[in-house]
PDB file of N, CA and C in Angstrom:
ATOM      1  N   MET A   1     -25.302   9.488 -11.371  1.00  0.00           N
ATOM      2  CA  MET A   1     -24.066   9.000 -11.028  1.00  0.00           C
ATOM      3  C   MET A   1     -23.196  10.614 -11.292  1.00  0.00           C
ATOM      4  N   GLY A   2     -22.807  11.141  -9.740  1.00  0.00           N
ATOM      5  CA  GLY A   2     -22.398  12.140  -9.203  1.00  0.00           C
ATOM      6  C   GLY A   2     -21.134  12.016  -9.624  1.00  0.00           C
ATOM      7  N   LEU A   3     -20.116  13.398  -9.044  1.00  0.00           N
ATOM      8  CA  LEU A   3     -18.983  13.439  -9.239  1.00  0.00           C
ATOM      9  C   LEU A   3     -18.622  12.672  -7.734  1.00  0.00           C
ATOM     10  N   SER A   4     -17.113  12.131  -7.639  1.00  0.00           N
ATOM     11  CA  SER A   4     -16.505  10.917  -7.047  1.00  0.00           C
ATOM     12  C   SER A   4     -14.883  12.225  -6.702  1.00  0.00           C
ATOM     13  N   TYR A   5     -15.332  12.442  -5.638  1.00  0.00           N
ATOM     14  CA  TYR A   5     -13.982  12.967  -4.549  1.00  0.00           C
ATOM     15  C   TYR A   5     -12.913  12.410  -4.212  1.00  0.00           C
ATOM     16  N   ASN A   6     -11.559  12.359  -4.118  1.00  0.00           N
ATOM     17  CA  ASN A   6     -11.036  11.828  -3.468  1.00  0.00           C
ATOM     18  C   ASN A   6     -10.617  12.313  -1.830  1.00  0.00           C
ATOM     19  N   THR A   7     -10.524  11.303  -1.121  1.00  0.00           N
ATOM     20  CA  THR A   7     -10.471  11.564   0.483  1.00  0.00           C
ATOM     21  C   THR A   7      -9.139  11.701   0.969  1.00  0.00           C
ATOM     22  N   TYR A   8      -8.827  12.693   1.205  1.00  0.00           N
ATOM     23  CA  TYR A   8      -7.485  12.951   1.986  1.00  0.00           C
ATOM     24  C   TYR A   8      -6.990  12.584   3.362  1.00  0.00           C
ATOM     25  N   LEU A   9      -6.013  11.595   3.578  1.00  0.00           N
ATOM     26  CA  LEU A   9      -5.925  11.131   4.551  1.00  0.00           C
ATOM     27  C   LEU A   9      -4.811  12.431   5.851  1.00  0.00           C
ATOM     28  N   THR A  10      -5.129  11.883   7.057  1.00  0.00           N
ATOM     29  CA  THR A  10      -4.131  12.332   7.915  1.00  0.00           C
ATOM     30  C   THR A  10      -3.430  12.153   8.841  1.00  0.00           C
ATOM     31  N   SER A  11      -1.923  11.531   8.821  1.00  0.00           N
ATOM     32  CA  SER A  11      -1.440  10.528   9.628  1.00  0.00           C
ATOM     33  C   SER A  11      -0.087  11.035   9.419  1.00  0.00           C
ATOM     34  N   ASP A  12       0.720  10.755  10.345  1.00  0.00           N
ATOM     35  CA  ASP A  12       2.018  10.447  10.082  1.00  0.00           C
ATOM     36  C   ASP A  12       2.482  10.132   9.177  1.00  0.00           C
ATOM     37  N   LYS A  13       2.075   8.804   8.806  1.00  0.00           N
ATOM     38  CA  LYS A  13       2.515   8.098   7.372  1.00  0.00           C
ATOM     39  C   LYS A  13       1.752   7.596   6.564  1.00  0.00           C
ATOM     40  N   ILE A  14       1.544   8.086   5.399  1.00  0.00           N
ATOM     41  CA  ILE A  14       0.232   7.801   4.335  1.00  0.00           C
ATOM     42  C   ILE A  14       1.085   7.066   3.249  1.00  0.00           C
ATOM     43  N   TYR A  15       0.293   5.720   2.901  1.00  0.00           N
ATOM     44  CA  TYR A  15       0.424   5.283   1.821  1.00  0.00           C
ATOM     45  C   TYR A  15      -0.393   5.794   0.602  1.00  0.00           C
ATOM     46  N   GLY A  16      -0.102   5.962  -0.593  1.00  0.00           N
ATOM     47  CA  GLY A  16      -0.574   6.254  -2.147  1.00  0.00           C
ATOM     48  C   GLY A  16       0.329   5.500  -2.798  1.00  0.00           C
ATOM     49  N   CYS A  17      -0.711   6.113  -3.989  1.00  0.00           N
ATOM     50  CA  CYS A  17      -0.440   5.106  -5.476  1.00  0.00           C
ATOM     51  C   CYS A  17       1.314   6.157  -5.631  1.00  0.00           C
ATOM     52  N   LYS A  18       1.634   4.625  -6.092  1.00  0.00           N
ATOM     53  CA  LYS A  18       2.954   4.974  -6.662  1.00  0.00           C
ATOM     54  C   LYS A  18       2.976   5.973  -7.975  1.00  0.00           C
ATOM     55  N   ASN A  19       2.250   5.811  -8.892  1.00  0.00           N
ATOM     56  CA  ASN A  19       1.935   6.292 -10.094  1.00  0.00           C
ATOM     57  C   ASN A  19       1.585   7.852 -10.213  1.00  0.00           C
ATOM     58  N   CYS A  20       0.717   8.126  -9.129  1.00  0.00           N
ATOM     59  CA  CYS A  20      -0.165   9.565  -9.063  1.00  0.00           C
ATOM     60  C   CYS A  20       0.053  10.054  -7.339  1.00  0.00           C
ATOM     61  N   LYS A  21       0.207   9.600  -6.847  1.00  0.00           N
ATOM     62  CA  LYS A  21       0.326  10.230  -5.250  1.00  0.00           C
ATOM     63  C   LYS A  21      -0.897  10.171  -4.403  1.00  0.00           C
ATOM     64  N   THR A  22      -1.916   9.801  -4.971  1.00  0.00           N
ATOM     65  CA  THR A  22      -3.639   9.701  -4.295  1.00  0.00           C
ATOM     66  C   THR A  22      -3.311   9.062  -3.282  1.00  0.00           C
ATOM     67  N   HIS A  23      -3.688   9.535  -1.966  1.00  0.00           N
ATOM     68  CA  HIS A  23      -4.120   8.728  -0.953  1.00  0.00           C
ATOM     69  C   HIS A  23      -4.473   7.770  -1.015  1.00  0.00           C
ATOM     70  N   LEU A  24      -4.222   6.266  -0.160  1.00  0.00           N
ATOM     71  CA  LEU A  24      -4.809   5.102  -0.157  1.00  0.00           C
ATOM     72  C   LEU A  24      -5.207   4.772   1.013  1.00  0.00           C
ATOM     73  N   ALA A  25      -4.067   4.728   2.432  1.00  0.00           N
ATOM     74  CA  ALA A  25      -4.023   4.368   3.345  1.00  0.00           C
ATOM     75  C   ALA A  25      -3.056   4.726   4.423  1.00  0.00           C
ATOM     76  N   ASN A  26      -3.444   4.995   5.635  1.00  0.00           N
ATOM     77  CA  ASN A  26      -3.169   5.181   7.102  1.00  0.00           C
ATOM     78  C   ASN A  26      -1.693   3.808   7.314  1.00  0.00           C
ATOM     79  N   GLN A  27      -0.979   4.407   8.043  1.00  0.00           N
ATOM     80  CA  GLN A  27      -0.027   3.457   8.322  1.00  0.00           C
ATOM     81  C   GLN A  27      -0.801   2.746   9.755  1.00  0.00           C
ATOM     82  N   GLU A  28      -1.266   3.437  10.179  1.00  0.00           N
ATOM     83  CA  GLU A  28      -2.248   2.814  11.549  1.00  0.00           C
ATOM     84  C   GLU A  28      -3.407   1.660  10.980  1.00  0.00           C
ATOM     85  N   ASP A  29      -3.485   2.062   9.889  1.00  0.00           N
ATOM     86  CA  ASP A  29      -4.516   0.716   9.399  1.00  0.00           C
ATOM     87  C   ASP A  29      -3.815  -0.781   9.096  1.00  0.00           C
ATOM     88  N   ILE A  30      -2.334  -0.530   9.295  1.00  0.00           N
ATOM     89  CA  ILE A  30      -1.534  -1.725   8.894  1.00  0.00           C
ATOM     90  C   ILE A  30      -2.323  -2.950   9.751  1.00  0.00           C
ATOM     91  N   MET A  31      -2.749  -4.174   9.193  1.00  0.00           N
ATOM     92  CA  MET A  31      -3.015  -5.061  10.356  1.00  0.00           C
ATOM     93  C   MET A  31      -2.000  -6.051  10.516  1.00  0.00           C
ATOM     94  N   SER A  32      -0.782  -6.418   8.954  1.00  0.00           N
ATOM     95  CA  SER A  32      -0.101  -7.170   8.718  1.00  0.00           C
ATOM     96  C   SER A  32       0.638  -6.809   7.862  1.00  0.00           C
ATOM     97  N   ARG A  33       2.043  -7.148   8.061  1.00  0.00           N
ATOM     98  CA  ARG A  33       3.267  -6.429   7.225  1.00  0.00           C
ATOM     99  C   ARG A  33       3.812  -8.133   6.452  1.00  0.00           C
ATOM    100  N   SER A  34       3.243  -9.388   6.575  1.00  0.00           N
ATOM    101  CA  SER A  34       4.030 -10.147   6.257  1.00  0.00           C
ATOM    102  C   SER A  34       3.324 -11.254   5.233  1.00  0.00           C
ATOM    103  N   PHE A  35       2.640 -10.231   4.510  1.00  0.00           N
ATOM    104  CA  PHE A  35       1.800 -10.872   3.508  1.00  0.00           C
ATOM    105  C   PHE A  35       2.853 -10.624   2.005  1.00  0.00           C
ATOM    106  N   ARG A  36       2.325 -11.705   0.958  1.00  0.00           N
ATOM    107  CA  ARG A  36       3.147 -11.507  -0.445  1.00  0.00           C
ATOM    108  C   ARG A  36       1.688 -11.496  -1.542  1.00  0.00           C
ATOM    109  N   GLY A  37       2.385 -10.647  -2.636  1.00  0.00           N
ATOM    110  CA  GLY A  37       1.930 -10.317  -3.682  1.00  0.00           C
ATOM    111  C   GLY A  37       2.342 -10.684  -5.168  1.00  0.00           C
ATOM    112  N   GLN A  38       1.789 -10.281  -5.932  1.00  0.00           N
ATOM    113  CA  GLN A  38       2.529 -10.147  -7.278  1.00  0.00           C
ATOM    114  C   GLN A  38       3.482  -9.727  -7.300  1.00  0.00           C
ATOM    115  N   HIS A  39       3.635  -8.379  -6.623  1.00  0.00           N
ATOM    116  CA  HIS A  39       4.994  -8.025  -7.118  1.00  0.00           C
ATOM    117  C   HIS A  39       6.242  -8.120  -5.939  1.00  0.00           C
ATOM    118  N   GLY A  40       5.768  -8.850  -5.286  1.00  0.00           N
ATOM    119  CA  GLY A  40       6.716  -9.108  -3.965  1.00  0.00           C
ATOM    120  C   GLY A  40       6.185  -8.491  -2.363  1.00  0.00           C
ATOM    121  N   LYS A  41       6.461  -8.099  -1.449  1.00  0.00           N
ATOM    122  CA  LYS A  41       6.199  -7.629  -0.297  1.00  0.00           C
ATOM    123  C   LYS A  41       4.777  -7.010  -0.309  1.00  0.00           C
ATOM    124  N   ALA A  42       3.939  -7.286   0.631  1.00  0.00           N
ATOM    125  CA  ALA A  42       2.288  -6.368   0.971  1.00  0.00           C
ATOM    126  C   ALA A  42       1.931  -6.558   1.993  1.00  0.00           C
ATOM    127  N   PHE A  43       1.187  -5.601   2.510  1.00  0.00           N
ATOM    128  CA  PHE A  43       0.414  -5.291   3.524  1.00  0.00           C
ATOM    129  C   PHE A  43      -1.054  -5.540   3.821  1.00  0.00           C
ATOM    130  N   LEU A  44      -1.420  -6.023   4.954  1.00  0.00           N
ATOM    131  CA  LEU A  44      -2.758  -6.425   5.151  1.00  0.00           C
ATOM    132  C   LEU A  44      -3.421  -5.049   5.707  1.00  0.00           C
ATOM    133  N   PHE A  45      -4.345  -4.194   5.217  1.00  0.00           N
ATOM    134  CA  PHE A  45      -4.903  -2.922   5.430  1.00  0.00           C
ATOM    135  C   PHE A  45      -6.068  -3.365   6.330  1.00  0.00           C
ATOM    136  N   HIS A  46      -6.448  -2.912   7.154  1.00  0.00           N
ATOM    137  CA  HIS A  46      -7.919  -2.828   7.561  1.00  0.00           C
ATOM    138  C   HIS A  46      -8.753  -1.931   6.879  1.00  0.00           C
ATOM    139  N   SER A  47      -8.748  -0.616   6.240  1.00  0.00           N
ATOM    140  CA  SER A  47      -9.388   0.139   5.281  1.00  0.00           C
ATOM    141  C   SER A  47      -8.596   0.974   4.329  1.00  0.00           C
ATOM    142  N   VAL A  48      -9.196   0.776   3.114  1.00  0.00           N
ATOM    143  CA  VAL A  48      -8.291   1.962   1.878  1.00  0.00           C
ATOM    144  C   VAL A  48      -9.856   2.680   1.666  1.00  0.00           C
ATOM    145  N   VAL A  49      -8.741   3.875   1.062  1.00  0.00           N
ATOM    146  CA  VAL A  49      -9.857   5.027   0.481  1.00  0.00           C
ATOM    147  C   VAL A  49      -9.473   5.046  -1.164  1.00  0.00           C
ATOM    148  N   ASN A  50      -9.855   5.922  -1.910  1.00  0.00           N
ATOM    149  CA  ASN A  50      -9.684   6.193  -3.063  1.00  0.00           C
ATOM    150  C   ASN A  50      -9.327   5.068  -4.080  1.00  0.00           C
ATOM    151  N   TYR A  51     -10.084   4.240  -3.956  1.00  0.00           N
ATOM    152  CA  TYR A  51     -10.190   3.023  -5.244  1.00  0.00           C
ATOM    153  C   TYR A  51     -11.174   2.136  -5.547  1.00  0.00           C
ATOM    154  N   ASP A  52     -11.126   1.842  -6.657  1.00  0.00           N
ATOM    155  CA  ASP A  52     -12.613   1.292  -7.644  1.00  0.00           C
ATOM    156  C   ASP A  52     -12.134  -0.145  -7.466  1.00  0.00           C
ATOM    157  N   ALA A  53     -12.860  -1.040  -7.144  1.00  0.00           N
ATOM    158  CA  ALA A  53     -12.576  -2.455  -7.062  1.00  0.00           C
ATOM    159  C   ALA A  53     -13.642  -3.350  -8.535  1.00  0.00           C
ATOM    160  N   GLY A  54     -12.757  -4.069  -9.034  1.00  0.00           N
ATOM    161  CA  GLY A  54     -13.101  -4.867 -10.181  1.00  0.00           C
ATOM    162  C   GLY A  54     -13.999  -5.979  -9.834  1.00  0.00           C
ATOM    163  N   THR A  55     -14.345  -6.670 -10.711  1.00  0.00           N
ATOM    164  CA  THR A  55     -15.612  -7.832 -10.632  1.00  0.00           C
ATOM    165  C   THR A  55     -14.994  -9.302  -9.558  1.00  0.00           C
ATOM    166  N   PRO A  56     -15.509  -9.884  -8.818  1.00  0.00           N
ATOM    167  CA  PRO A  56     -15.189 -10.607  -7.677  1.00  0.00           C
ATOM    168  C   PRO A  56     -14.480 -11.807  -8.683  1.00  0.00           C
ATOM    169  N   SER A  57     -13.680 -12.423  -8.036  1.00  0.00           N
ATOM    170  CA  SER A  57     -13.160 -13.871  -8.947  1.00  0.00           C
ATOM    171  C   SER A  57     -12.644 -14.759  -7.862  1.00  0.00           C
ATOM    172  N   GLU A  58     -12.517 -15.850  -8.129  1.00  0.00           N
ATOM    173  CA  GLU A  58     -12.198 -16.939  -7.118  1.00  0.00           C
ATOM    174  C   GLU A  58     -10.645 -17.227  -7.394  1.00  0.00           C
ATOM    175  N   ARG A  59      -9.717 -17.265  -6.211  1.00  0.00           N
ATOM    176  CA  ARG A  59      -8.236 -17.807  -6.597  1.00  0.00           C
ATOM    177  C   ARG A  59      -7.985 -18.496  -5.703  1.00  0.00           C
ATOM    178  N   ALA A  60      -7.112 -19.519  -6.169  1.00  0.00           N
ATOM    179  CA  ALA A  60      -6.408 -20.269  -5.268  1.00  0.00           C
ATOM    180  C   ALA A  60      -5.156 -19.775  -4.754  1.00  0.00           C
ATOM    181  N   MET A  61      -5.026 -19.007  -3.372  1.00  0.00           N
ATOM    182  CA  MET A  61      -3.674 -18.711  -2.742  1.00  0.00           C
ATOM    183  C   MET A  61      -2.929 -19.420  -2.144  1.00  0.00           C
ATOM    184  N   THR A  62      -1.597 -19.369  -1.637  1.00  0.00           N
ATOM    185  CA  THR A  62      -1.310 -20.239  -0.498  1.00  0.00           C
ATOM    186  C   THR A  62      -1.920 -20.216   0.883  1.00  0.00           C
ATOM    187  N   THR A  63      -2.896 -19.424   1.192  1.00  0.00           N
ATOM    188  CA  THR A  63      -3.648 -19.641   1.998  1.00  0.00           C
ATOM    189  C   THR A  63      -4.985 -20.168   2.086  1.00  0.00           C
ATOM    190  N   GLY A  64      -5.048 -20.685   0.640  1.00  0.00           N
ATOM    191  CA  GLY A  64      -6.260 -21.249   0.456  1.00  0.00           C
ATOM    192  C   GLY A  64      -7.090 -20.648  -0.551  1.00  0.00           C
ATOM    193  N   ARG A  65      -8.315 -21.034  -0.915  1.00  0.00           N
ATOM    194  CA  ARG A  65      -9.637 -20.408  -1.707  1.00  0.00           C
ATOM    195  C   ARG A  65     -10.122 -19.309  -1.043  1.00  0.00           C
ATOM    196  N   HIS A  66     -10.150 -18.372  -2.035  1.00  0.00           N
ATOM    197  CA  HIS A  66     -10.959 -17.093  -1.719  1.00  0.00           C
ATOM    198  C   HIS A  66     -11.079 -16.261  -2.619  1.00  0.00           C
ATOM    199  N   ILE A  67     -12.487 -15.326  -2.560  1.00  0.00           N
ATOM    200  CA  ILE A  67     -12.944 -14.710  -3.676  1.00  0.00           C
ATOM    201  C   ILE A  67     -12.578 -13.337  -3.072  1.00  0.00           C
ATOM    202  N   VAL A  68     -12.072 -12.387  -4.121  1.00  0.00           N
ATOM    203  CA  VAL A  68     -11.266 -11.397  -4.211  1.00  0.00           C
ATOM    204  C   VAL A  68     -11.340 -10.553  -5.475  1.00  0.00           C
ATOM    205  N   ARG A  69     -11.426  -9.293  -4.855  1.00  0.00           N
ATOM    206  CA  ARG A  69     -11.640  -8.650  -6.125  1.00  0.00           C
ATOM    207  C   ARG A  69     -10.187  -7.459  -6.533  1.00  0.00           C
ATOM    208  N   ASP A  70      -9.685  -7.335  -7.561  1.00  0.00           N
ATOM    209  CA  ASP A  70      -8.646  -6.072  -7.665  1.00  0.00           C
ATOM    210  C   ASP A  70      -8.944  -4.893  -7.406  1.00  0.00           C
ATOM    211  N   ILE A  71      -8.239  -3.902  -7.022  1.00  0.00           N
ATOM    212  CA  ILE A  71      -8.665  -2.771  -6.397  1.00  0.00           C
ATOM    213  C   ILE A  71      -7.225  -1.916  -7.263  1.00  0.00           C
ATOM    214  N   SER A  72      -7.903  -0.754  -7.659  1.00  0.00           N
ATOM    215  CA  SER A  72      -7.124   0.488  -8.534  1.00  0.00           C
ATOM    216  C   SER A  72      -7.372   1.319  -7.986  1.00  0.00           C
ATOM    217  N   CYS A  73      -6.439   2.240  -7.663  1.00  0.00           N
ATOM    218  CA  CYS A  73      -6.110   3.868  -7.963  1.00  0.00           C
ATOM    219  C   CYS A  73      -7.416   4.523  -8.560  1.00  0.00           C
ATOM    220  N   ARG A  74      -8.494   5.256  -8.020  1.00  0.00           N
ATOM    221  CA  ARG A  74      -9.557   5.988  -7.905  1.00  0.00           C
ATOM    222  C   ARG A  74      -9.225   6.739  -9.493  1.00  0.00           C
ATOM    223  N   GLN A  75      -8.246   7.676  -9.028  1.00  0.00           N
ATOM    224  CA  GLN A  75      -7.266   8.714  -9.856  1.00  0.00           C
ATOM    225  C   GLN A  75      -7.050   8.203 -11.224  1.00  0.00           C
ATOM    226  N   CYS A  76      -5.697   7.530 -11.280  1.00  0.00           N
ATOM    227  CA  CYS A  76      -5.427   6.882 -12.089  1.00  0.00           C
ATOM    228  C   CYS A  76      -5.579   5.437 -13.285  1.00  0.00           C
ATOM    229  N   LYS A  77      -6.075   5.120 -12.428  1.00  0.00           N
ATOM    230  CA  LYS A  77      -6.867   3.674 -12.488  1.00  0.00           C
ATOM    231  C   LYS A  77      -5.662   2.562 -12.791  1.00  0.00           C
ATOM    232  N   GLU A  78      -4.627   2.430 -12.125  1.00  0.00           N
ATOM    233  CA  GLU A  78      -3.415   1.564 -11.829  1.00  0.00           C
ATOM    234  C   GLU A  78      -4.039   0.615 -10.525  1.00  0.00           C
ATOM    235  N   THR A  79      -3.953  -0.867 -11.445  1.00  0.00           N
ATOM    236  CA  THR A  79      -3.825  -1.799  -9.875  1.00  0.00           C
ATOM    237  C   THR A  79      -3.165  -1.567  -8.622  1.00  0.00           C
ATOM    238  N   VAL A  80      -3.454  -1.770  -7.463  1.00  0.00           N
ATOM    239  CA  VAL A  80      -2.620  -1.357  -6.288  1.00  0.00           C
ATOM    240  C   VAL A  80      -2.669  -2.454  -5.057  1.00  0.00           C
ATOM    241  N   GLY A  81      -3.687  -3.171  -5.623  1.00  0.00           N
ATOM    242  CA  GLY A  81      -4.050  -4.867  -4.605  1.00  0.00           C
ATOM    243  C   GLY A  81      -5.133  -5.505  -5.061  1.00  0.00           C
ATOM    244  N   TRP A  82      -5.691  -6.294  -3.795  1.00  0.00           N
ATOM    245  CA  TRP A  82      -7.069  -6.502  -3.829  1.00  0.00           C
ATOM    246  C   TRP A  82      -7.717  -6.852  -2.690  1.00  0.00           C
ATOM    247  N   THR A  83      -8.967  -6.807  -2.549  1.00  0.00           N
ATOM    248  CA  THR A  83      -9.576  -6.861  -1.360  1.00  0.00           C
ATOM    249  C   THR A  83     -10.344  -8.384  -1.396  1.00  0.00           C
ATOM    250  N   TYR A  84     -10.075  -8.777  -0.306  1.00  0.00           N
ATOM    251  CA  TYR A  84     -10.946 -10.162   0.218  1.00  0.00           C
ATOM    252  C   TYR A  84     -12.431 -10.096   0.177  1.00  0.00           C
ATOM    253  N   ASP A  85     -13.211 -10.475  -0.349  1.00  0.00           N
ATOM    254  CA  ASP A  85     -14.656 -10.679  -0.558  1.00  0.00           C
ATOM    255  C   ASP A  85     -15.224 -11.712   0.743  1.00  0.00           C
ATOM    256  N   ARG A  86     -14.405 -13.077   0.477  1.00  0.00           N
ATOM    257  CA  ARG A  86     -14.956 -14.215   0.930  1.00  0.00           C
ATOM    258  C   ARG A  86     -13.932 -15.120   0.909  1.00  0.00           C
ATOM    259  N   ALA A  87     -13.424 -15.615   2.604  1.00  0.00           N
ATOM    260  CA  ALA A  87     -12.543 -16.814   2.738  1.00  0.00           C
ATOM    261  C   ALA A  87     -13.226 -18.216   2.831  1.00  0.00           C
ATOM    262  N   PHE A  88     -12.901 -19.196   2.425  1.00  0.00           N
ATOM    263  CA  PHE A  88     -13.836 -20.393   2.483  1.00  0.00           C
ATOM    264  C   PHE A  88     -12.667 -21.127   3.556  1.00  0.00           C
ATOM    265  N   GLU A  89     -11.641 -20.901   3.951  1.00  0.00           N
ATOM    266  CA  GLU A  89     -10.978 -21.661   5.348  1.00  0.00           C
ATOM    267  C   GLU A  89     -11.536 -20.981   6.153  1.00  0.00           C
ATOM    268  N   GLN A  90     -12.129 -21.618   7.317  1.00  0.00           N
ATOM    269  CA  GLN A  90     -12.523 -20.815   8.709  1.00  0.00           C
ATOM    270  C   GLN A  90     -10.986 -19.829   9.110  1.00  0.00           C
ATOM    271  N   SER A  91      -9.482 -20.164   9.014  1.00  0.00           N
ATOM    272  CA  SER A  91      -8.708 -19.909   9.895  1.00  0.00           C
ATOM    273  C   SER A  91      -8.614 -18.329   9.056  1.00  0.00           C
ATOM    274  N   GLU A  92      -8.798 -18.580   7.751  1.00  0.00           N
ATOM    275  CA  GLU A  92      -8.641 -16.859   7.149  1.00  0.00           C
ATOM    276  C   GLU A  92      -9.856 -15.992   7.084  1.00  0.00           C
ATOM    277  N   LYS A  93     -10.944 -16.333   7.902  1.00  0.00           N
ATOM    278  CA  LYS A  93     -12.279 -15.331   7.707  1.00  0.00           C
ATOM    279  C   LYS A  93     -11.717 -14.063   8.205  1.00  0.00           C
ATOM    280  N   TYR A  94     -10.788 -13.786   9.083  1.00  0.00           N
ATOM    281  CA  TYR A  94     -10.679 -12.577   9.496  1.00  0.00           C
ATOM    282  C   TYR A  94     -10.238 -11.614   8.249  1.00  0.00           C
ATOM    283  N   LYS A  95      -9.502 -12.125   6.824  1.00  0.00           N
ATOM    284  CA  LYS A  95      -9.433 -11.084   5.874  1.00  0.00           C
ATOM    285  C   LYS A  95     -10.429 -10.797   5.271  1.00  0.00           C
ATOM    286  N   GLU A  96     -11.897 -11.342   5.544  1.00  0.00           N
ATOM    287  CA  GLU A  96     -13.168 -10.455   4.626  1.00  0.00           C
ATOM    288  C   GLU A  96     -13.072  -9.556   4.830  1.00  0.00           C
ATOM    289  N   GLY A  97     -13.275  -8.125   3.756  1.00  0.00           N
ATOM    290  CA  GLY A  97     -13.345  -7.067   3.714  1.00  0.00           C
ATOM    291  C   GLY A  97     -12.422  -6.200   4.328  1.00  0.00           C
ATOM    292  N   LYS A  98     -11.290  -6.792   4.483  1.00  0.00           N
ATOM    293  CA  LYS A  98      -9.952  -6.064   4.386  1.00  0.00           C
ATOM    294  C   LYS A  98      -9.105  -5.975   2.934  1.00  0.00           C
ATOM    295  N   PHE A  99      -8.114  -5.327   2.916  1.00  0.00           N
ATOM    296  CA  PHE A  99      -7.498  -5.551   1.747  1.00  0.00           C
ATOM    297  C   PHE A  99      -6.037  -5.513   1.822  1.00  0.00           C
ATOM    298  N   ILE A 100      -5.274  -5.776   0.310  1.00  0.00           N
ATOM    299  CA  ILE A 100      -4.249  -5.738   0.474  1.00  0.00           C
ATOM    300  C   ILE A 100      -3.325  -4.822  -0.622  1.00  0.00           C
ATOM    301  N   LEU A 101      -2.699  -4.371  -0.238  1.00  0.00           N
ATOM    302  CA  LEU A 101      -1.982  -3.256  -1.363  1.00  0.00           C
ATOM    303  C   LEU A 101      -0.200  -3.782  -0.944  1.00  0.00           C
ATOM    304  N   GLU A 102       0.160  -3.900  -2.303  1.00  0.00           N
ATOM    305  CA  GLU A 102       1.398  -4.181  -2.499  1.00  0.00           C
ATOM    306  C   GLU A 102       2.406  -3.212  -2.726  1.00  0.00           C
ATOM    307  N   ALA A 103       3.592  -3.215  -1.907  1.00  0.00           N
ATOM    308  CA  ALA A 103       4.866  -2.047  -1.476  1.00  0.00           C
ATOM    309  C   ALA A 103       5.161  -1.778  -2.622  1.00  0.00           C
ATOM    310  N   GLU A 104       5.536  -2.273  -3.814  1.00  0.00           N
ATOM    311  CA  GLU A 104       5.987  -2.032  -4.994  1.00  0.00           C
ATOM    312  C   GLU A 104       5.162  -0.971  -5.515  1.00  0.00           C
ATOM    313  N   LEU A 105       3.766  -1.161  -5.344  1.00  0.00           N
ATOM    314  CA  LEU A 105       2.763  -0.325  -6.051  1.00  0.00           C
ATOM    315  C   LEU A 105       2.727   1.020  -5.415  1.00  0.00           C
ATOM    316  N   LEU A 106       3.245   1.416  -4.068  1.00  0.00           N
ATOM    317  CA  LEU A 106       2.850   2.557  -3.273  1.00  0.00           C
ATOM    318  C   LEU A 106       4.257   3.204  -2.941  1.00  0.00           C
ATOM    319  N   CYS A 107       3.774   4.633  -2.265  1.00  0.00           N
ATOM    320  CA  CYS A 107       4.687   5.538  -2.122  1.00  0.00           C
ATOM    321  C   CYS A 107       4.441   5.887  -0.979  1.00  0.00           C
ATOM    322  N   THR A 108       5.208   6.670   0.199  1.00  0.00           N
ATOM    323  CA  THR A 108       4.827   7.633   1.024  1.00  0.00           C
ATOM    324  C   THR A 108       4.543   8.605   0.822  1.00  0.00           C
ATOM    325  N   VAL A 109       3.614   9.356   1.060  1.00  0.00           N
ATOM    326  CA  VAL A 109       3.044  10.772   0.343  1.00  0.00           C
ATOM    327  C   VAL A 109       3.636  11.484   1.525  1.00  0.00           C
ATOM    328  N   SER A 110       3.407  10.935   3.347  1.00  0.00           N
ATOM    329  CA  SER A 110       3.836  12.250   4.075  1.00  0.00           C
ATOM    330  C   SER A 110       4.466  11.063   5.241  1.00  0.00           C
TER     331      SER A 110
END
């Protein structure tokens, strides 16, 4: 196993980990702002960097059953959201491979 390096994003607005400010996502990658997480408001992102994913687990959410993995900041290990591995409802398939970051756990880096 080699060294892991953080990816540094360039954008007008970058979201980072609230705890350590490690870059996580660009504002341009937001697909939706109308999600809710455990801590309130959350965003659906097309891509996220500098994270570690946990083990997959099946969860019953307001939109149906999904297989998800919690994601944490690679730098400080704080949980920042989750990623969708599988959606069981056809109308929710667009979430597969996408990420939820909870607004309460983020800060604006630039």
